Amino acid sequence: MRISIDHDVCIGAGQCALTAPTVFTQDDEGLSEVLAGREDGAGSPLVREAARACPVAAISLEDA
């Protein structure tokens, strides 16, 4: 799986970081980002739920 965040769409709601904190965080501006080394989801079962929780659909998941 490959995770990408569209920073032009992200509003910093933080739902991804709340749902899957081992994969997502928020930068200094409050926008979501994937933690270093976790770009593949790190096997977290919550990644798909985090993408669904995004209120503006800024998270894309691509199966490898």
Protein backbone atom coordinates (compact mmCIF):
# COMPACT_ATOMS: atom_id res chain seq x y z
CA MET A 1 0.00 0.00 0.00
CA ARG A 2 1.15 3.53 -0.71
CA ILE A 3 -0.31 6.49 1.16
CA SER A 4 -0.40 10.02 -0.22
CA ILE A 5 -1.90 13.22 1.15
CA ASP A 6 -3.05 16.05 -1.08
CA HIS A 7 -1.84 19.08 0.88
CA ASP A 8 -3.82 21.40 -1.41
CA VAL A 9 -7.00 19.72 -0.12
CA CYS A 10 -6.06 18.95 3.51
CA ILE A 11 -7.69 21.28 6.05
CA GLY A 12 -5.88 19.90 9.11
CA ALA A 13 -8.91 18.29 10.75
CA GLY A 14 -6.55 15.69 12.23
CA GLN A 15 -8.92 12.74 11.93
CA CYS A 16 -6.18 10.64 10.34
CA ALA A 17 -3.75 11.27 13.20
CA LEU A 18 -6.46 10.47 15.75
CA THR A 19 -7.48 7.29 13.94
CA ALA A 20 -4.03 5.92 13.03
CA PRO A 21 -1.43 7.73 15.16
CA THR A 22 1.29 5.22 14.32
CA VAL A 23 1.07 6.26 10.65
CA PHE A 24 -0.12 9.89 10.53
CA THR A 25 0.84 13.09 12.30
CA GLN A 26 0.32 16.80 11.78
CA ASP A 27 3.03 19.27 10.80
CA ASP A 28 3.67 22.65 12.41
CA GLU A 29 0.92 24.19 10.27
CA GLY A 30 -1.59 21.55 11.36
CA LEU A 31 -1.66 19.73 8.02
CA SER A 32 -1.52 15.97 7.93
CA GLU A 33 1.56 14.04 6.94
CA VAL A 34 2.68 10.44 6.95
CA LEU A 35 5.31 9.60 9.54
CA ALA A 36 8.76 8.83 8.12
CA GLY A 37 9.10 5.17 7.26
CA ARG A 38 5.34 4.62 7.39
CA GLU A 39 4.54 5.47 3.77
CA ASP A 40 3.40 1.87 3.25
CA GLY A 41 0.98 1.99 6.19
CA ALA A 42 3.27 -0.12 8.40
CA GLY A 43 0.69 -2.90 8.38
CA SER A 44 -1.76 -0.81 10.41
CA PRO A 45 -5.34 -1.99 9.97
CA LEU A 46 -6.49 1.56 10.76
CA VAL A 47 -5.04 3.23 7.66
CA ARG A 48 -8.13 2.63 5.52
CA GLU A 49 -10.36 3.87 8.33
CA ALA A 50 -8.20 7.00 8.66
CA ALA A 51 -8.60 7.70 4.94
CA ARG A 52 -12.38 7.27 5.23
CA ALA A 53 -12.43 9.59 8.27
CA CYS A 54 -10.85 12.47 6.34
CA PRO A 55 -13.66 15.03 5.88
CA VAL A 56 -12.21 16.35 2.62
CA ALA A 57 -10.88 13.06 1.17
CA ALA A 58 -7.30 14.33 1.09
CA ILE A 59 -5.81 10.86 1.72
CA SER A 60 -5.29 8.46 -1.18
CA LEU A 61 -4.41 4.80 -0.78
CA GLU A 62 -2.91 2.84 -3.61
CA ASP A 63 -2.52 -0.92 -3.32
CA ALA A 64 0.88 -2.15 -4.42
